[in-house]
N, C-alpha and C. Protein backbone atom coordinates (compact mmCIF):
# COMPACT_ATOMS: atom_id res chain seq x y z
N GLY A 1 104.77 96.58 127.10
CA GLY A 1 103.41 96.64 127.56
C GLY A 1 102.65 97.77 126.92
N PHE A 2 101.38 97.71 127.07
CA PHE A 2 100.46 98.70 126.52
C PHE A 2 100.06 99.64 127.65
N ASN A 3 100.85 100.68 127.87
CA ASN A 3 100.56 101.61 128.95
C ASN A 3 99.98 102.92 128.45
N ARG A 4 100.28 103.27 127.22
CA ARG A 4 99.79 104.52 126.65
C ARG A 4 99.28 104.23 125.26
N GLY A 5 98.53 105.17 124.73
CA GLY A 5 98.03 105.02 123.38
C GLY A 5 96.53 104.87 123.36
N ARG A 6 96.04 104.63 122.17
CA ARG A 6 94.60 104.56 121.96
C ARG A 6 94.26 103.25 121.26
N LEU A 7 93.24 102.57 121.76
CA LEU A 7 92.75 101.34 121.17
C LEU A 7 91.24 101.48 121.00
N VAL A 8 90.77 101.24 119.78
CA VAL A 8 89.34 101.32 119.50
C VAL A 8 88.83 99.89 119.29
N ILE A 9 87.93 99.48 120.16
CA ILE A 9 87.39 98.12 120.15
C ILE A 9 85.93 98.19 119.71
N GLY A 10 85.55 97.28 118.82
CA GLY A 10 84.16 97.16 118.42
C GLY A 10 83.58 95.86 118.94
N GLY A 11 82.32 95.86 119.22
CA GLY A 11 81.64 94.64 119.66
C GLY A 11 80.20 94.65 119.22
N ASN A 12 79.71 93.47 118.83
CA ASN A 12 78.28 93.44 118.56
C ASN A 12 77.54 93.38 119.90
N THR A 13 76.24 93.33 119.88
CA THR A 13 75.45 93.60 121.08
C THR A 13 75.84 92.78 122.30
N ALA A 14 75.90 91.47 122.20
CA ALA A 14 76.17 90.65 123.40
C ALA A 14 77.52 90.98 124.02
N PRO A 15 78.63 90.87 123.29
CA PRO A 15 79.91 91.22 123.92
C PRO A 15 80.05 92.71 124.20
N GLY A 16 79.45 93.54 123.36
CA GLY A 16 79.58 94.98 123.53
C GLY A 16 78.89 95.52 124.76
N VAL A 17 77.89 94.78 125.23
CA VAL A 17 77.14 95.22 126.40
C VAL A 17 77.51 94.42 127.65
N LYS A 18 77.79 93.14 127.49
CA LYS A 18 78.01 92.26 128.64
C LYS A 18 79.48 92.05 129.00
N ILE A 19 80.33 91.83 128.02
CA ILE A 19 81.70 91.39 128.29
C ILE A 19 82.71 92.54 128.22
N LEU A 20 82.68 93.27 127.15
CA LEU A 20 83.73 94.27 126.90
C LEU A 20 83.80 95.40 127.92
N PRO A 21 82.68 95.98 128.37
CA PRO A 21 82.81 97.05 129.37
C PRO A 21 83.55 96.60 130.63
N LEU A 22 83.30 95.38 131.09
CA LEU A 22 84.00 94.88 132.28
C LEU A 22 85.48 94.63 131.98
N ALA A 23 85.77 94.07 130.82
CA ALA A 23 87.16 93.82 130.45
C ALA A 23 87.93 95.12 130.30
N ILE A 24 87.29 96.12 129.71
CA ILE A 24 87.94 97.42 129.53
C ILE A 24 88.19 98.08 130.88
N ALA A 25 87.22 98.02 131.77
CA ALA A 25 87.38 98.61 133.12
C ALA A 25 88.53 97.95 133.86
N ASP A 26 88.65 96.64 133.76
CA ASP A 26 89.74 95.92 134.42
C ASP A 26 91.08 96.31 133.81
N PHE A 27 91.14 96.41 132.49
CA PHE A 27 92.37 96.81 131.81
C PHE A 27 92.78 98.22 132.24
N LYS A 28 91.82 99.13 132.33
CA LYS A 28 92.11 100.52 132.71
C LYS A 28 92.65 100.63 134.13
N LYS A 29 92.28 99.71 135.01
CA LYS A 29 92.83 99.71 136.37
C LYS A 29 94.35 99.53 136.34
N HIS A 30 94.80 98.69 135.43
CA HIS A 30 96.23 98.39 135.34
C HIS A 30 96.98 99.32 134.38
N HIS A 31 96.24 99.97 133.48
CA HIS A 31 96.83 100.85 132.48
C HIS A 31 96.01 102.13 132.38
N PRO A 32 96.03 102.97 133.42
CA PRO A 32 95.15 104.14 133.46
C PRO A 32 95.44 105.18 132.38
N GLU A 33 96.63 105.19 131.81
CA GLU A 33 96.95 106.18 130.78
C GLU A 33 96.51 105.76 129.39
N ALA A 34 96.11 104.52 129.24
CA ALA A 34 95.65 104.04 127.93
C ALA A 34 94.24 104.57 127.66
N GLU A 35 94.01 104.94 126.43
CA GLU A 35 92.68 105.39 126.02
C GLU A 35 92.02 104.23 125.26
N ILE A 36 90.90 103.75 125.80
CA ILE A 36 90.17 102.64 125.19
C ILE A 36 88.79 103.15 124.83
N LEU A 37 88.44 103.02 123.56
CA LEU A 37 87.11 103.42 123.08
C LEU A 37 86.35 102.17 122.66
N LEU A 38 85.07 102.13 122.96
CA LEU A 38 84.22 101.00 122.60
C LEU A 38 83.11 101.48 121.68
N ARG A 39 82.97 100.79 120.56
CA ARG A 39 81.89 101.07 119.60
C ARG A 39 81.06 99.79 119.47
N VAL A 40 79.76 99.91 119.67
CA VAL A 40 78.85 98.76 119.61
C VAL A 40 77.97 98.90 118.38
N SER A 41 77.89 97.83 117.60
CA SER A 41 77.07 97.83 116.40
C SER A 41 76.83 96.40 115.94
N ARG A 42 76.20 96.26 114.79
CA ARG A 42 75.97 94.96 114.18
C ARG A 42 77.28 94.39 113.65
N SER A 43 77.35 93.09 113.51
CA SER A 43 78.57 92.43 113.04
C SER A 43 79.00 92.93 111.67
N ASP A 44 78.05 93.12 110.74
CA ASP A 44 78.42 93.58 109.40
C ASP A 44 79.03 94.98 109.44
N GLN A 45 78.52 95.83 110.31
CA GLN A 45 79.08 97.19 110.45
C GLN A 45 80.48 97.12 111.05
N LEU A 46 80.66 96.25 112.03
CA LEU A 46 81.98 96.10 112.65
C LEU A 46 83.01 95.63 111.63
N GLU A 47 82.62 94.70 110.77
CA GLU A 47 83.54 94.25 109.72
C GLU A 47 83.90 95.40 108.79
N HIS A 48 82.93 96.20 108.44
CA HIS A 48 83.18 97.37 107.59
C HIS A 48 84.17 98.32 108.27
N TRP A 49 83.96 98.59 109.55
CA TRP A 49 84.86 99.48 110.30
C TRP A 49 86.27 98.90 110.36
N LEU A 50 86.38 97.58 110.57
CA LEU A 50 87.70 96.94 110.60
C LEU A 50 88.43 97.11 109.28
N LEU A 51 87.73 96.83 108.20
CA LEU A 51 88.34 96.91 106.88
C LEU A 51 88.72 98.34 106.51
N ASP A 52 88.00 99.32 107.06
CA ASP A 52 88.31 100.74 106.83
C ASP A 52 89.27 101.32 107.87
N ASN A 53 89.74 100.46 108.78
CA ASN A 53 90.65 100.88 109.87
C ASN A 53 90.02 101.93 110.80
N ASP A 54 88.71 101.88 110.95
CA ASP A 54 88.03 102.77 111.90
C ASP A 54 88.07 102.21 113.32
N ILE A 55 88.24 100.89 113.44
CA ILE A 55 88.43 100.24 114.74
C ILE A 55 89.64 99.34 114.62
N ASP A 56 90.24 99.02 115.76
CA ASP A 56 91.45 98.20 115.77
C ASP A 56 91.15 96.71 115.88
N VAL A 57 90.11 96.37 116.58
CA VAL A 57 89.75 94.97 116.82
C VAL A 57 88.24 94.91 117.06
N ALA A 58 87.64 93.75 116.76
CA ALA A 58 86.21 93.57 117.01
C ALA A 58 86.00 92.25 117.73
N VAL A 59 85.04 92.25 118.63
CA VAL A 59 84.63 91.03 119.33
C VAL A 59 83.19 90.78 118.94
N ILE A 60 82.99 89.67 118.21
CA ILE A 60 81.64 89.35 117.73
C ILE A 60 81.33 87.89 118.02
N LEU A 61 80.05 87.58 117.99
CA LEU A 61 79.62 86.19 118.04
C LEU A 61 79.52 85.71 116.60
N GLY A 62 80.04 84.53 116.33
CA GLY A 62 79.96 83.98 114.99
C GLY A 62 81.20 84.22 114.18
N ASP A 63 81.11 83.91 112.90
CA ASP A 63 82.24 84.00 111.99
C ASP A 63 82.15 85.26 111.14
N PRO A 64 83.30 85.86 110.81
CA PRO A 64 83.27 87.02 109.91
C PRO A 64 82.89 86.58 108.50
N LYS A 65 82.24 87.45 107.78
CA LYS A 65 81.85 87.17 106.40
C LYS A 65 82.99 87.45 105.43
N SER A 66 83.83 88.41 105.75
CA SER A 66 84.92 88.81 104.86
C SER A 66 86.11 87.84 104.99
N ALA A 67 86.62 87.41 103.86
CA ALA A 67 87.81 86.55 103.84
C ALA A 67 89.07 87.31 104.26
N GLN A 68 89.00 88.64 104.30
CA GLN A 68 90.14 89.46 104.69
C GLN A 68 90.34 89.50 106.20
N LEU A 69 89.36 89.01 106.95
CA LEU A 69 89.43 89.07 108.41
C LEU A 69 89.74 87.69 108.98
N ARG A 70 90.48 87.69 110.07
CA ARG A 70 90.86 86.45 110.74
C ARG A 70 90.14 86.35 112.07
N LYS A 71 89.66 85.16 112.37
CA LYS A 71 88.93 84.91 113.62
C LYS A 71 89.86 84.25 114.62
N GLU A 72 89.81 84.75 115.85
CA GLU A 72 90.52 84.15 116.97
C GLU A 72 89.48 83.82 118.03
N HIS A 73 89.41 82.58 118.45
CA HIS A 73 88.45 82.16 119.47
C HIS A 73 88.89 82.70 120.83
N LEU A 74 87.98 83.40 121.52
CA LEU A 74 88.30 83.95 122.84
C LEU A 74 87.71 83.13 123.97
N CYS A 75 86.43 82.78 123.86
CA CYS A 75 85.77 82.06 124.93
C CYS A 75 84.45 81.49 124.43
N GLU A 76 83.89 80.63 125.23
CA GLU A 76 82.57 80.09 124.95
C GLU A 76 81.51 81.06 125.46
N GLU A 77 80.43 81.19 124.74
CA GLU A 77 79.32 82.04 125.19
C GLU A 77 78.62 81.38 126.36
N SER A 78 78.31 82.18 127.38
CA SER A 78 77.62 81.61 128.54
C SER A 78 76.22 82.12 128.64
């Protein structure tokens, strides 16, 4: 399990403001020793951060532009 350590999550505006803060808060309830950082920016900036290893994962709407990145579908936008 992920009980300790640091995870840096990026999100563009919609998930970064609406979805991720709630998901992070819920995760922290179960894993209080984990350090979770959230960075919100445009999708192109998030891709740049991912490729430079400045963030560990990004949650964006749409498809990544870089062929080096893999998309995993999480949910439908509501």
